[in-house]
PDB file of N, CA and C in Angstrom:
ATOM      1  N   MET A   1    -151.220  70.744 -93.770  1.00  0.00           N
ATOM      2  CA  MET A   1    -150.047  70.453 -92.946  1.00  0.00           C
ATOM      3  C   MET A   1    -149.564  71.695 -92.224  1.00  0.00           C
ATOM      4  N   GLU A   2    -149.641  72.818 -92.904  1.00  0.00           N
ATOM      5  CA  GLU A   2    -149.035  74.037 -92.399  1.00  0.00           C
ATOM      6  C   GLU A   2    -149.410  74.325 -90.952  1.00  0.00           C
ATOM      7  N   ASN A   3    -150.662  74.160 -90.621  1.00  0.00           N
ATOM      8  CA  ASN A   3    -151.082  74.475 -89.268  1.00  0.00           C
ATOM      9  C   ASN A   3    -151.026  73.286 -88.332  1.00  0.00           C
ATOM     10  N   ASN A   4    -151.013  72.057 -88.872  1.00  0.00           N
ATOM     11  CA  ASN A   4    -151.014  70.878 -88.020  1.00  0.00           C
ATOM     12  C   ASN A   4    -149.780  70.803 -87.129  1.00  0.00           C
ATOM     13  N   ASP A   5    -148.606  71.072 -87.695  1.00  0.00           N
ATOM     14  CA  ASP A   5    -147.393  70.985 -86.892  1.00  0.00           C
ATOM     15  C   ASP A   5    -147.333  72.093 -85.845  1.00  0.00           C
ATOM     16  N   VAL A   6    -147.796  73.277 -86.199  1.00  0.00           N
ATOM     17  CA  VAL A   6    -147.816  74.383 -85.235  1.00  0.00           C
ATOM     18  C   VAL A   6    -148.810  74.096 -84.115  1.00  0.00           C
ATOM     19  N   LYS A   7    -149.992  73.620 -84.492  1.00  0.00           N
ATOM     20  CA  LYS A   7    -151.008  73.289 -83.479  1.00  0.00           C
ATOM     21  C   LYS A   7    -150.515  72.193 -82.547  1.00  0.00           C
ATOM     22  N   PHE A   8    -149.867  71.170 -83.123  1.00  0.00           N
ATOM     23  CA  PHE A   8    -149.350  70.066 -82.316  1.00  0.00           C
ATOM     24  C   PHE A   8    -148.301  70.564 -81.326  1.00  0.00           C
ATOM     25  N   LEU A   9    -147.310  71.315 -81.824  1.00  0.00           N
ATOM     26  CA  LEU A   9    -146.248  71.821 -80.950  1.00  0.00           C
ATOM     27  C   LEU A   9    -146.822  72.747 -79.885  1.00  0.00           C
ATOM     28  N   ASP A  10    -147.739  73.602 -80.284  1.00  0.00           N
ATOM     29  CA  ASP A  10    -148.375  74.526 -79.342  1.00  0.00           C
ATOM     30  C   ASP A  10    -149.074  73.754 -78.220  1.00  0.00           C
ATOM     31  N   TYR A  11    -149.832  72.733 -78.581  1.00  0.00           N
ATOM     32  CA  TYR A  11    -150.559  71.940 -77.589  1.00  0.00           C
ATOM     33  C   TYR A  11    -149.601  71.238 -76.623  1.00  0.00           C
ATOM     34  N   VAL A  12    -148.567  70.599 -77.161  1.00  0.00           N
ATOM     35  CA  VAL A  12    -147.627  69.843 -76.322  1.00  0.00           C
ATOM     36  C   VAL A  12    -146.878  70.771 -75.369  1.00  0.00           C
ATOM     37  N   VAL A  13    -146.338  71.851 -75.889  1.00  0.00           N
ATOM     38  CA  VAL A  13    -145.524  72.749 -75.068  1.00  0.00           C
ATOM     39  C   VAL A  13    -146.382  73.444 -74.018  1.00  0.00           C
ATOM     40  N   LYS A  14    -147.551  73.927 -74.399  1.00  0.00           N
ATOM     41  CA  LYS A  14    -148.413  74.614 -73.431  1.00  0.00           C
ATOM     42  C   LYS A  14    -148.890  73.669 -72.335  1.00  0.00           C
ATOM     43  N   SER A  15    -148.954  72.367 -72.632  1.00  0.00           N
ATOM     44  CA  SER A  15    -149.314  71.378 -71.614  1.00  0.00           C
ATOM     45  C   SER A  15    -148.190  71.168 -70.605  1.00  0.00           C
ATOM     46  N   LEU A  16    -146.967  71.437 -71.017  1.00  0.00           N
ATOM     47  CA  LEU A  16    -145.802  71.206 -70.154  1.00  0.00           C
ATOM     48  C   LEU A  16    -145.460  72.388 -69.244  1.00  0.00           C
ATOM     49  N   VAL A  17    -145.689  73.599 -69.715  1.00  0.00           N
ATOM     50  CA  VAL A  17    -145.171  74.785 -69.038  1.00  0.00           C
ATOM     51  C   VAL A  17    -146.167  75.385 -68.043  1.00  0.00           C
ATOM     52  N   ASP A  18    -145.626  76.222 -67.152  1.00  0.00           N
ATOM     53  CA  ASP A  18    -146.465  76.945 -66.190  1.00  0.00           C
ATOM     54  C   ASP A  18    -146.964  78.279 -66.748  1.00  0.00           C
ATOM     55  N   ASN A  19    -146.301  78.786 -67.770  1.00  0.00           N
ATOM     56  CA  ASN A  19    -146.660  80.079 -68.367  1.00  0.00           C
ATOM     57  C   ASN A  19    -147.013  79.892 -69.846  1.00  0.00           C
ATOM     58  N   PRO A  20    -148.169  79.299 -70.142  1.00  0.00           N
ATOM     59  CA  PRO A  20    -148.506  79.014 -71.543  1.00  0.00           C
ATOM     60  C   PRO A  20    -148.674  80.265 -72.410  1.00  0.00           C
ATOM     61  N   ASN A  21    -148.974  81.390 -71.806  1.00  0.00           N
ATOM     62  CA  ASN A  21    -149.138  82.618 -72.595  1.00  0.00           C
ATOM     63  C   ASN A  21    -147.812  83.136 -73.150  1.00  0.00           C
ATOM     64  N   ASP A  22    -146.688  82.664 -72.599  1.00  0.00           N
ATOM     65  CA  ASP A  22    -145.368  83.104 -73.054  1.00  0.00           C
ATOM     66  C   ASP A  22    -144.796  82.230 -74.164  1.00  0.00           C
ATOM     67  N   VAL A  23    -145.521  81.211 -74.580  1.00  0.00           N
ATOM     68  CA  VAL A  23    -145.042  80.311 -75.634  1.00  0.00           C
ATOM     69  C   VAL A  23    -145.198  80.996 -76.985  1.00  0.00           C
ATOM     70  N   LYS A  24    -144.087  81.038 -77.743  1.00  0.00           N
ATOM     71  CA  LYS A  24    -144.101  81.635 -79.087  1.00  0.00           C
ATOM     72  C   LYS A  24    -143.481  80.639 -80.053  1.00  0.00           C
ATOM     73  N   ILE A  25    -144.165  80.405 -81.160  1.00  0.00           N
ATOM     74  CA  ILE A  25    -143.689  79.470 -82.179  1.00  0.00           C
ATOM     75  C   ILE A  25    -143.624  80.199 -83.512  1.00  0.00           C
ATOM     76  N   VAL A  26    -142.462  80.122 -84.160  1.00  0.00           N
ATOM     77  CA  VAL A  26    -142.296  80.703 -85.486  1.00  0.00           C
ATOM     78  C   VAL A  26    -141.978  79.558 -86.445  1.00  0.00           C
ATOM     79  N   ARG A  27    -142.726  79.482 -87.527  1.00  0.00           N
ATOM     80  CA  ARG A  27    -142.543  78.408 -88.509  1.00  0.00           C
ATOM     81  C   ARG A  27    -141.982  79.003 -89.792  1.00  0.00           C
ATOM     82  N   THR A  28    -140.854  78.466 -90.257  1.00  0.00           N
ATOM     83  CA  THR A  28    -140.270  78.913 -91.519  1.00  0.00           C
ATOM     84  C   THR A  28    -140.046  77.692 -92.409  1.00  0.00           C
ATOM     85  N   VAL A  29    -140.214  77.903 -93.699  1.00  0.00           N
ATOM     86  CA  VAL A  29    -140.039  76.833 -94.677  1.00  0.00           C
ATOM     87  C   VAL A  29    -138.984  77.263 -95.678  1.00  0.00           C
ATOM     88  N   ASP A  30    -138.033  76.352 -95.975  1.00  0.00           N
ATOM     89  CA  ASP A  30    -137.046  76.600 -97.013  1.00  0.00           C
ATOM     90  C   ASP A  30    -136.764  75.279 -97.726  1.00  0.00           C
ATOM     91  N   GLU A  31    -135.724  75.255 -98.539  1.00  0.00           N
ATOM     92  CA  GLU A  31    -135.427  74.039 -99.312  1.00  0.00           C
ATOM     93  C   GLU A  31    -135.006  72.859 -98.429  1.00  0.00           C
ATOM     94  N   MET A  32    -134.597  73.121 -97.187  1.00  0.00           N
ATOM     95  CA  MET A  32    -134.194  72.061 -96.262  1.00  0.00           C
ATOM     96  C   MET A  32    -135.402  71.455 -95.537  1.00  0.00           C
ATOM     97  N   GLY A  33    -136.522  72.130 -95.527  1.00  0.00           N
ATOM     98  CA  GLY A  33    -137.714  71.635 -94.847  1.00  0.00           C
ATOM     99  C   GLY A  33    -138.338  72.714 -93.979  1.00  0.00           C
ATOM    100  N   VAL A  34    -138.977  72.269 -92.896  1.00  0.00           N
ATOM    101  CA  VAL A  34    -139.686  73.175 -91.993  1.00  0.00           C
ATOM    102  C   VAL A  34    -138.862  73.342 -90.725  1.00  0.00           C
ATOM    103  N   LEU A  35    -138.666  74.580 -90.316  1.00  0.00           N
ATOM    104  CA  LEU A  35    -137.980  74.863 -89.054  1.00  0.00           C
ATOM    105  C   LEU A  35    -138.969  75.529 -88.114  1.00  0.00           C
ATOM    106  N   MET A  36    -139.171  74.876 -86.972  1.00  0.00           N
ATOM    107  CA  MET A  36    -140.045  75.432 -85.942  1.00  0.00           C
ATOM    108  C   MET A  36    -139.124  76.016 -84.873  1.00  0.00           C
ATOM    109  N   THR A  37    -139.265  77.306 -84.600  1.00  0.00           N
ATOM    110  CA  THR A  37    -138.472  77.962 -83.574  1.00  0.00           C
ATOM    111  C   THR A  37    -139.376  78.235 -82.384  1.00  0.00           C
ATOM    112  N   LEU A  38    -138.943  77.765 -81.221  1.00  0.00           N
ATOM    113  CA  LEU A  38    -139.761  77.833 -80.015  1.00  0.00           C
ATOM    114  C   LEU A  38    -139.109  78.748 -78.989  1.00  0.00           C
ATOM    115  N   GLU A  39    -139.923  79.618 -78.402  1.00  0.00           N
ATOM    116  CA  GLU A  39    -139.490  80.462 -77.289  1.00  0.00           C
ATOM    117  C   GLU A  39    -140.468  80.270 -76.147  1.00  0.00           C
ATOM    118  N   VAL A  40    -139.922  80.101 -74.931  1.00  0.00           N
ATOM    119  CA  VAL A  40    -140.754  79.953 -73.739  1.00  0.00           C
ATOM    120  C   VAL A  40    -140.214  80.861 -72.650  1.00  0.00           C
ATOM    121  N   ASN A  41    -140.982  81.012 -71.593  1.00  0.00           N
ATOM    122  CA  ASN A  41    -140.553  81.770 -70.428  1.00  0.00           C
ATOM    123  C   ASN A  41    -139.288  81.114 -69.863  1.00  0.00           C
ATOM    124  N   PRO A  42    -138.294  81.909 -69.434  1.00  0.00           N
ATOM    125  CA  PRO A  42    -137.057  81.325 -68.888  1.00  0.00           C
ATOM    126  C   PRO A  42    -137.306  80.342 -67.749  1.00  0.00           C
ATOM    127  N   ILE A  43    -138.347  80.562 -66.976  1.00  0.00           N
ATOM    128  CA  ILE A  43    -138.653  79.667 -65.855  1.00  0.00           C
ATOM    129  C   ILE A  43    -139.053  78.277 -66.365  1.00  0.00           C
ATOM    130  N   ASP A  44    -139.645  78.214 -67.551  1.00  0.00           N
ATOM    131  CA  ASP A  44    -140.153  76.955 -68.101  1.00  0.00           C
ATOM    132  C   ASP A  44    -139.151  76.203 -68.971  1.00  0.00           C
ATOM    133  N   MET A  45    -137.963  76.753 -69.169  1.00  0.00           N
ATOM    134  CA  MET A  45    -136.984  76.127 -70.050  1.00  0.00           C
ATOM    135  C   MET A  45    -136.678  74.689 -69.642  1.00  0.00           C
ATOM    136  N   GLY A  46    -136.498  74.453 -68.361  1.00  0.00           N
ATOM    137  CA  GLY A  46    -136.160  73.115 -67.885  1.00  0.00           C
ATOM    138  C   GLY A  46    -137.254  72.103 -68.168  1.00  0.00           C
ATOM    139  N   LYS A  47    -138.485  72.541 -68.128  1.00  0.00           N
ATOM    140  CA  LYS A  47    -139.608  71.633 -68.391  1.00  0.00           C
ATOM    141  C   LYS A  47    -139.666  71.241 -69.862  1.00  0.00           C
ATOM    142  N   VAL A  48    -139.311  72.164 -70.732  1.00  0.00           N
ATOM    143  CA  VAL A  48    -139.343  71.885 -72.164  1.00  0.00           C
ATOM    144  C   VAL A  48    -138.148  71.028 -72.575  1.00  0.00           C
ATOM    145  N   ILE A  49    -137.001  71.287 -71.985  1.00  0.00           N
ATOM    146  CA  ILE A  49    -135.797  70.532 -72.351  1.00  0.00           C
ATOM    147  C   ILE A  49    -135.782  69.179 -71.651  1.00  0.00           C
ATOM    148  N   GLY A  50    -136.117  69.160 -70.368  1.00  0.00           N
ATOM    149  CA  GLY A  50    -136.140  67.896 -69.632  1.00  0.00           C
ATOM    150  C   GLY A  50    -134.760  67.489 -69.153  1.00  0.00           C
ATOM    151  N   ARG A  51    -134.758  66.498 -68.288  1.00  0.00           N
ATOM    152  CA  ARG A  51    -133.488  65.996 -67.752  1.00  0.00           C
ATOM    153  C   ARG A  51    -132.675  65.397 -68.891  1.00  0.00           C
ATOM    154  N   THR A  52    -131.455  65.852 -69.029  1.00  0.00           N
ATOM    155  CA  THR A  52    -130.518  65.447 -70.093  1.00  0.00           C
ATOM    156  C   THR A  52    -131.111  65.600 -71.495  1.00  0.00           C
ATOM    157  N   GLY A  53    -132.074  66.487 -71.649  1.00  0.00           N
ATOM    158  CA  GLY A  53    -132.643  66.785 -72.965  1.00  0.00           C
ATOM    159  C   GLY A  53    -133.652  65.781 -73.479  1.00  0.00           C
ATOM    160  N   ASN A  54    -134.116  64.887 -72.625  1.00  0.00           N
ATOM    161  CA  ASN A  54    -135.017  63.828 -73.083  1.00  0.00           C
ATOM    162  C   ASN A  54    -136.368  64.349 -73.549  1.00  0.00           C
ATOM    163  N   THR A  55    -136.907  65.359 -72.891  1.00  0.00           N
ATOM    164  CA  THR A  55    -138.208  65.897 -73.308  1.00  0.00           C
ATOM    165  C   THR A  55    -138.089  66.567 -74.674  1.00  0.00           C
ATOM    166  N   ALA A  56    -137.039  67.348 -74.867  1.00  0.00           N
ATOM    167  CA  ALA A  56    -136.827  68.008 -76.159  1.00  0.00           C
ATOM    168  C   ALA A  56    -136.637  66.976 -77.270  1.00  0.00           C
ATOM    169  N   LYS A  57    -135.894  65.906 -76.996  1.00  0.00           N
ATOM    170  CA  LYS A  57    -135.702  64.843 -77.991  1.00  0.00           C
ATOM    171  C   LYS A  57    -137.033  64.200 -78.354  1.00  0.00           C
ATOM    172  N   ALA A  58    -137.872  63.950 -77.363  1.00  0.00           N
ATOM    173  CA  ALA A  58    -139.173  63.330 -77.612  1.00  0.00           C
ATOM    174  C   ALA A  58    -140.064  64.245 -78.458  1.00  0.00           C
ATOM    175  N   ILE A  59    -140.062  65.538 -78.143  1.00  0.00           N
ATOM    176  CA  ILE A  59    -140.866  66.493 -78.920  1.00  0.00           C
ATOM    177  C   ILE A  59    -140.367  66.523 -80.363  1.00  0.00           C
ATOM    178  N   ARG A  60    -139.046  66.542 -80.556  1.00  0.00           N
ATOM    179  CA  ARG A  60    -138.474  66.548 -81.913  1.00  0.00           C
ATOM    180  C   ARG A  60    -138.871  65.292 -82.687  1.00  0.00           C
ATOM    181  N   THR A  61    -138.837  64.151 -82.007  1.00  0.00           N
ATOM    182  CA  THR A  61    -139.222  62.890 -82.656  1.00  0.00           C
ATOM    183  C   THR A  61    -140.679  62.929 -83.095  1.00  0.00           C
ATOM    184  N   LEU A  62    -141.549  63.395 -82.212  1.00  0.00           N
ATOM    185  CA  LEU A  62    -142.972  63.478 -82.558  1.00  0.00           C
ATOM    186  C   LEU A  62    -143.215  64.463 -83.698  1.00  0.00           C
ATOM    187  N   LEU A  63    -142.488  65.577 -83.711  1.00  0.00           N
ATOM    188  CA  LEU A  63    -142.641  66.536 -84.807  1.00  0.00           C
ATOM    189  C   LEU A  63    -142.204  65.928 -86.130  1.00  0.00           C
ATOM    190  N   ARG A  64    -141.157  65.112 -86.107  1.00  0.00           N
ATOM    191  CA  ARG A  64    -140.715  64.450 -87.339  1.00  0.00           C
ATOM    192  C   ARG A  64    -141.797  63.499 -87.851  1.00  0.00           C
ATOM    193  N   VAL A  65    -142.478  62.823 -86.927  1.00  0.00           N
ATOM    194  CA  VAL A  65    -143.571  61.923 -87.321  1.00  0.00           C
ATOM    195  C   VAL A  65    -144.699  62.720 -87.969  1.00  0.00           C
ATOM    196  N   VAL A  66    -145.058  63.844 -87.368  1.00  0.00           N
ATOM    197  CA  VAL A  66    -146.092  64.713 -87.954  1.00  0.00           C
ATOM    198  C   VAL A  66    -145.650  65.157 -89.346  1.00  0.00           C
ATOM    199  N   GLY A  67    -144.372  65.503 -89.485  1.00  0.00           N
ATOM    200  CA  GLY A  67    -143.852  65.919 -90.786  1.00  0.00           C
ATOM    201  C   GLY A  67    -143.859  64.807 -91.812  1.00  0.00           C
ATOM    202  N   MET A  68    -143.438  63.606 -91.402  1.00  0.00           N
ATOM    203  CA  MET A  68    -143.407  62.467 -92.337  1.00  0.00           C
ATOM    204  C   MET A  68    -144.800  62.158 -92.867  1.00  0.00           C
ATOM    205  N   LYS A  69    -145.776  62.321 -92.013  1.00  0.00           N
ATOM    206  CA  LYS A  69    -147.158  62.062 -92.417  1.00  0.00           C
ATOM    207  C   LYS A  69    -147.576  62.989 -93.555  1.00  0.00           C
ATOM    208  N   ASN A  70    -146.922  64.141 -93.617  1.00  0.00           N
ATOM    209  CA  ASN A  70    -147.256  65.142 -94.634  1.00  0.00           C
ATOM    210  C   ASN A  70    -146.107  65.402 -95.605  1.00  0.00           C
ATOM    211  N   ASN A  71    -145.182  64.434 -95.717  1.00  0.00           N
ATOM    212  CA  ASN A  71    -144.046  64.532 -96.641  1.00  0.00           C
ATOM    213  C   ASN A  71    -143.219  65.799 -96.446  1.00  0.00           C
ATOM    214  N   ALA A  72    -142.936  66.133 -95.203  1.00  0.00           N
ATOM    215  CA  ALA A  72    -142.115  67.307 -94.898  1.00  0.00           C
ATOM    216  C   ALA A  72    -141.097  66.945 -93.813  1.00  0.00           C
ATOM    217  N   ARG A  73    -139.949  67.558 -93.878  1.00  0.00           N
ATOM    218  CA  ARG A  73    -138.935  67.360 -92.860  1.00  0.00           C
ATOM    219  C   ARG A  73    -139.078  68.507 -91.858  1.00  0.00           C
ATOM    220  N   VAL A  74    -139.382  68.163 -90.601  1.00  0.00           N
ATOM    221  CA  VAL A  74    -139.639  69.180 -89.575  1.00  0.00           C
ATOM    222  C   VAL A  74    -138.535  69.121 -88.528  1.00  0.00           C
ATOM    223  N   ASN A  75    -137.938  70.264 -88.245  1.00  0.00           N
ATOM    224  CA  ASN A  75    -136.922  70.383 -87.207  1.00  0.00           C
ATOM    225  C   ASN A  75    -137.369  71.409 -86.173  1.00  0.00           C
ATOM    226  N   LEU A  76    -136.879  71.232 -84.945  1.00  0.00           N
ATOM    227  CA  LEU A  76    -137.231  72.138 -83.852  1.00  0.00           C
ATOM    228  C   LEU A  76    -135.984  72.800 -83.293  1.00  0.00           C
ATOM    229  N   LYS A  77    -136.053  74.112 -83.182  1.00  0.00           N
ATOM    230  CA  LYS A  77    -134.991  74.883 -82.538  1.00  0.00           C
ATOM    231  C   LYS A  77    -135.609  75.549 -81.310  1.00  0.00           C
ATOM    232  N   ILE A  78    -134.984  75.348 -80.155  1.00  0.00           N
ATOM    233  CA  ILE A  78    -135.466  75.961 -78.920  1.00  0.00           C
ATOM    234  C   ILE A  78    -134.536  77.119 -78.596  1.00  0.00           C
ATOM    235  N   ASN A  79    -135.052  78.335 -78.662  1.00  0.00           N
ATOM    236  CA  ASN A  79    -134.235  79.519 -78.380  1.00  0.00           C
ATOM    237  C   ASN A  79    -133.992  79.658 -76.890  1.00  0.00           C
ATOM    238  N   GLU A  80    -132.748  79.931 -76.548  1.00  0.00           N
ATOM    239  CA  GLU A  80    -132.412  80.188 -75.150  1.00  0.00           C
ATOM    240  C   GLU A  80    -132.889  81.587 -74.808  1.00  0.00           C
ATOM    241  N   PRO A  81    -133.632  81.742 -73.712  1.00  0.00           N
ATOM    242  CA  PRO A  81    -134.149  83.059 -73.358  1.00  0.00           C
ATOM    243  C   PRO A  81    -133.022  84.042 -73.044  1.00  0.00           C
ATOM    244  N   ALA A  82    -133.253  85.311 -73.365  1.00  0.00           N
ATOM    245  CA  ALA A  82    -132.281  86.347 -73.055  1.00  0.00           C
ATOM    246  C   ALA A  82    -132.101  86.440 -71.546  1.00  0.00           C
ATOM    247  N   GLY A  83    -130.876  86.545 -71.112  1.00  0.00           N
ATOM    248  CA  GLY A  83    -130.603  86.680 -69.689  1.00  0.00           C
ATOM    249  C   GLY A  83    -130.626  85.374 -68.931  1.00  0.00           C
ATOM    250  N   ALA A  84    -130.672  84.262 -69.646  1.00  0.00           N
ATOM    251  CA  ALA A  84    -130.698  82.958 -68.964  1.00  0.00           C
ATOM    252  C   ALA A  84    -129.355  82.704 -68.295  1.00  0.00           C
ATOM    253  N   VAL A  85    -129.408  82.163 -67.108  1.00  0.00           N
ATOM    254  CA  VAL A  85    -128.194  81.854 -66.354  1.00  0.00           C
ATOM    255  C   VAL A  85    -127.934  80.357 -66.481  1.00  0.00           C
ATOM    256  N   PRO A  86    -126.716  79.957 -66.883  1.00  0.00           N
ATOM    257  CA  PRO A  86    -126.430  78.535 -66.994  1.00  0.00           C
ATOM    258  C   PRO A  86    -126.592  77.840 -65.653  1.00  0.00           C
ATOM    259  N   ARG A  87    -127.116  76.617 -65.693  1.00  0.00           N
ATOM    260  CA  ARG A  87    -127.298  75.860 -64.461  1.00  0.00           C
ATOM    261  C   ARG A  87    -125.957  75.460 -63.881  1.00  0.00           C
ATOM    262  N   GLU A  88    -125.938  75.386 -62.561  1.00  0.00           N
ATOM    263  CA  GLU A  88    -124.730  74.973 -61.863  1.00  0.00           C
ATOM    264  C   GLU A  88    -124.537  73.478 -62.047  1.00  0.00           C
ATOM    265  N   ARG A  89    -123.282  73.075 -62.194  1.00  0.00           N
ATOM    266  CA  ARG A  89    -122.964  71.665 -62.359  1.00  0.00           C
ATOM    267  C   ARG A  89    -123.324  70.906 -61.096  1.00  0.00           C
ATOM    268  N   THR A  90    -124.022  69.788 -61.228  1.00  0.00           N
ATOM    269  CA  THR A  90    -124.440  69.029 -60.053  1.00  0.00           C
ATOM    270  C   THR A  90    -123.788  67.658 -59.976  1.00  0.00           C
ATOM    271  N   ASP A  91    -123.023  67.286 -60.977  1.00  0.00           N
ATOM    272  CA  ASP A  91    -122.400  65.961 -60.981  1.00  0.00           C
ATOM    273  C   ASP A  91    -120.981  66.031 -60.404  1.00  0.00           C
ATOM    274  N   LYS A  92    -120.898  66.209 -59.097  1.00  0.00           N
ATOM    275  CA  LYS A  92    -119.608  66.321 -58.419  1.00  0.00           C
ATOM    276  C   LYS A  92    -119.057  64.941 -58.095  1.00  0.00           C
ATOM    277  N   THR A  93    -117.735  64.888 -57.998  1.00  0.00           N
ATOM    278  CA  THR A  93    -117.114  63.650 -57.548  1.00  0.00           C
ATOM    279  C   THR A  93    -117.285  63.553 -56.034  1.00  0.00           C
ATOM    280  N   ILE A  94    -117.009  62.384 -55.494  1.00  0.00           N
ATOM    281  CA  ILE A  94    -117.116  62.193 -54.040  1.00  0.00           C
ATOM    282  C   ILE A  94    -116.161  63.125 -53.317  1.00  0.00           C
ATOM    283  N   ASP A  95    -114.943  63.266 -53.825  1.00  0.00           N
ATOM    284  CA  ASP A  95    -113.962  64.155 -53.193  1.00  0.00           C
ATOM    285  C   ASP A  95    -114.447  65.602 -53.174  1.00  0.00           C
ATOM    286  N   GLU A  96    -115.049  66.057 -54.285  1.00  0.00           N
ATOM    287  CA  GLU A  96    -115.557  67.430 -54.336  1.00  0.00           C
ATOM    288  C   GLU A  96    -116.697  67.619 -53.351  1.00  0.00           C
ATOM    289  N   ALA A  97    -117.563  66.633 -53.244  1.00  0.00           N
ATOM    290  CA  ALA A  97    -118.680  66.737 -52.298  1.00  0.00           C
ATOM    291  C   ALA A  97    -118.176  66.754 -50.859  1.00  0.00           C
ATOM    292  N   LEU A  98    -117.178  65.940 -50.537  1.00  0.00           N
ATOM    293  CA  LEU A  98    -116.611  65.938 -49.194  1.00  0.00           C
ATOM    294  C   LEU A  98    -115.922  67.258 -48.863  1.00  0.00           C
ATOM    295  N   ASN A  99    -115.235  67.827 -49.859  1.00  0.00           N
ATOM    296  CA  ASN A  99    -114.593  69.132 -49.646  1.00  0.00           C
ATOM    297  C   ASN A  99    -115.638  70.212 -49.378  1.00  0.00           C
ATOM    298  N   ASP A 100    -116.770  70.140 -50.076  1.00  0.00           N
ATOM    299  CA  ASP A 100    -117.843  71.106 -49.844  1.00  0.00           C
ATOM    300  C   ASP A 100    -118.395  70.983 -48.426  1.00  0.00           C
ATOM    301  N   MET A 101    -118.421  69.764 -47.913  1.00  0.00           N
ATOM    302  CA  MET A 101    -118.943  69.523 -46.566  1.00  0.00           C
ATOM    303  C   MET A 101    -117.893  69.785 -45.501  1.00  0.00           C
ATOM    304  N   LYS A 102    -116.658  70.012 -45.956  1.00  0.00           N
ATOM    305  CA  LYS A 102    -115.527  70.280 -45.057  1.00  0.00           C
ATOM    306  C   LYS A 102    -115.313  69.135 -44.050  1.00  0.00           C
ATOM    307  N   ILE A 103    -115.358  67.912 -44.571  1.00  0.00           N
ATOM    308  CA  ILE A 103    -115.128  66.740 -43.729  1.00  0.00           C
ATOM    309  C   ILE A 103    -113.695  66.293 -43.896  1.00  0.00           C
TER     310      ILE A 103
END
């Protein structure tokens, strides 16, 4: 099991990103289960997380399935890259959008 979850996560994430050489996975085991910590290139963060976090949720679900198959509880933590800039809010109201257009 030890390598199956790492190999699975490595394969999935490297398939998603543009910079597969920057993917780093750290696996730790404690009494709570297995914690997989993932680091990717800041440019690839959006691809790993997905719109509204759907890609990250799907990866977490699949990792839990891999863990259940081997009687282990597997969790995924995605580290925010150093120097990451928060995305600008894009869900503006109609009034805010009109003000931006100066209409």
